[in-house]
Amino acid sequence: LYMKVRLTRQLRIQTGFQETLYILTSIVYFGNTHFTSRMFLDSGVWLYDGQKFGGRCVREFDAVTDRFVESKDAMSMNEKVAHIAIYVRSSL
């Protein structure tokens, strides 16, 4: 099953009379039996690839932007395709 999705930096879900805000914190990419990830933190956008960089995270950008997250660039990384988007609940 293949579904085309569009990522957003924030996700708001309305349940009854309450709205809950979720913030995108990570994207996990997979391809060629190997995974990588991109993490979105206050300090910027970080890359992780266990086969590169000595197993450490490397900064890709100094700041997270909605424009990047919503672009096609966020949907792939080093020929790997986004498989999991991780959102964390935030207070409004």
Protein backbone atom coordinates (compact mmCIF):
# COMPACT_ATOMS: atom_id res chain seq x y z
CA LEU A 1 0.00 0.00 0.00
CA TYR A 2 1.38 3.38 -1.00
CA MET A 3 -0.08 6.67 0.16
CA LYS A 4 1.08 10.11 -0.86
CA VAL A 5 1.16 12.49 2.11
CA ARG A 6 2.24 16.06 2.68
CA LEU A 7 4.12 16.91 5.85
CA THR A 8 3.47 20.00 7.92
CA ARG A 9 5.53 21.44 10.77
CA GLN A 10 2.48 21.61 13.03
CA LEU A 11 -0.53 19.35 13.18
CA ARG A 12 -3.68 20.49 15.01
CA ILE A 13 -6.28 17.91 15.93
CA GLN A 14 -9.71 18.89 17.20
CA THR A 15 -11.33 16.48 19.65
CA GLY A 16 -14.65 17.66 20.96
CA PHE A 17 -14.14 21.21 22.23
CA GLN A 18 -10.39 20.86 22.64
CA GLU A 19 -7.66 21.39 20.07
CA THR A 20 -4.34 19.60 20.51
CA LEU A 21 -1.15 20.81 18.82
CA TYR A 22 1.52 18.38 17.63
CA ILE A 23 4.97 19.46 16.42
CA LEU A 24 7.01 17.48 13.88
CA THR A 25 10.21 16.36 15.59
CA SER A 26 11.64 13.67 13.29
CA ILE A 27 11.35 11.97 9.95
CA VAL A 28 12.68 8.45 9.47
CA TYR A 29 13.81 7.49 5.97
CA PHE A 30 14.33 3.98 4.64
CA GLY A 31 15.90 2.47 1.55
CA ASN A 32 18.34 -0.27 0.57
CA THR A 33 17.83 -2.06 3.93
CA HIS A 34 19.13 0.98 5.82
CA PHE A 35 17.44 3.80 7.71
CA THR A 36 18.45 7.41 8.31
CA SER A 37 16.65 10.23 10.07
CA ARG A 38 16.26 13.97 10.19
CA MET A 39 15.48 15.62 13.54
CA PHE A 40 13.93 19.05 13.98
CA LEU A 41 15.12 20.76 17.16
CA ASP A 42 15.24 24.35 18.40
CA SER A 43 18.95 24.33 17.52
CA GLY A 44 18.27 23.41 13.89
CA VAL A 45 17.82 20.43 11.60
CA TRP A 46 20.05 17.43 12.32
CA LEU A 47 20.83 14.37 10.22
CA TYR A 48 21.55 10.88 11.51
CA ASP A 49 23.01 8.06 9.47
CA GLY A 50 24.57 5.20 11.43
CA GLN A 51 26.88 4.40 8.50
CA LYS A 52 28.22 7.94 8.23
CA PHE A 53 29.51 10.65 10.54
CA GLY A 54 30.83 8.16 13.12
CA GLY A 55 27.33 7.43 14.39
CA ARG A 56 26.81 11.08 15.40
CA CYS A 57 24.19 13.60 14.37
CA VAL A 58 25.30 16.33 11.98
CA ARG A 59 23.66 19.73 11.65
CA GLU A 60 22.07 20.31 8.25
CA PHE A 61 20.40 23.72 8.80
CA ASP A 62 20.53 26.28 11.58
CA ALA A 63 16.76 26.67 11.72
CA VAL A 64 13.64 24.65 11.00
CA THR A 65 11.34 26.27 8.46
CA ASP A 66 7.81 25.43 7.41
CA ARG A 67 8.92 25.90 3.81
CA PHE A 68 11.49 23.10 4.07
CA VAL A 69 9.21 20.70 5.96
CA GLU A 70 6.43 21.16 3.41
CA SER A 71 8.77 20.81 0.42
CA LYS A 72 9.60 17.70 -1.59
CA ASP A 73 13.13 17.90 -0.12
CA ALA A 74 11.85 16.74 3.27
CA MET A 75 10.32 13.61 1.72
CA SER A 76 13.69 12.04 0.88
CA MET A 77 17.26 11.96 2.12
CA ASN A 78 20.25 10.44 0.33
CA GLU A 79 18.06 8.32 -1.98
CA LYS A 80 15.96 7.09 0.94
CA VAL A 81 12.23 7.80 1.17
CA ALA A 82 10.36 9.17 4.19
CA HIS A 83 8.54 6.31 5.95
CA ILE A 84 7.73 7.67 9.41
CA ALA A 85 6.92 11.19 10.63
CA ILE A 86 7.12 11.60 14.40
CA TYR A 87 5.02 14.32 16.02
CA VAL A 88 5.09 15.24 19.71
CA ARG A 89 2.16 16.82 21.56
CA SER A 90 2.77 20.38 22.59
CA SER A 91 0.92 22.80 24.82
CA LEU A 92 -0.96 25.60 23.02
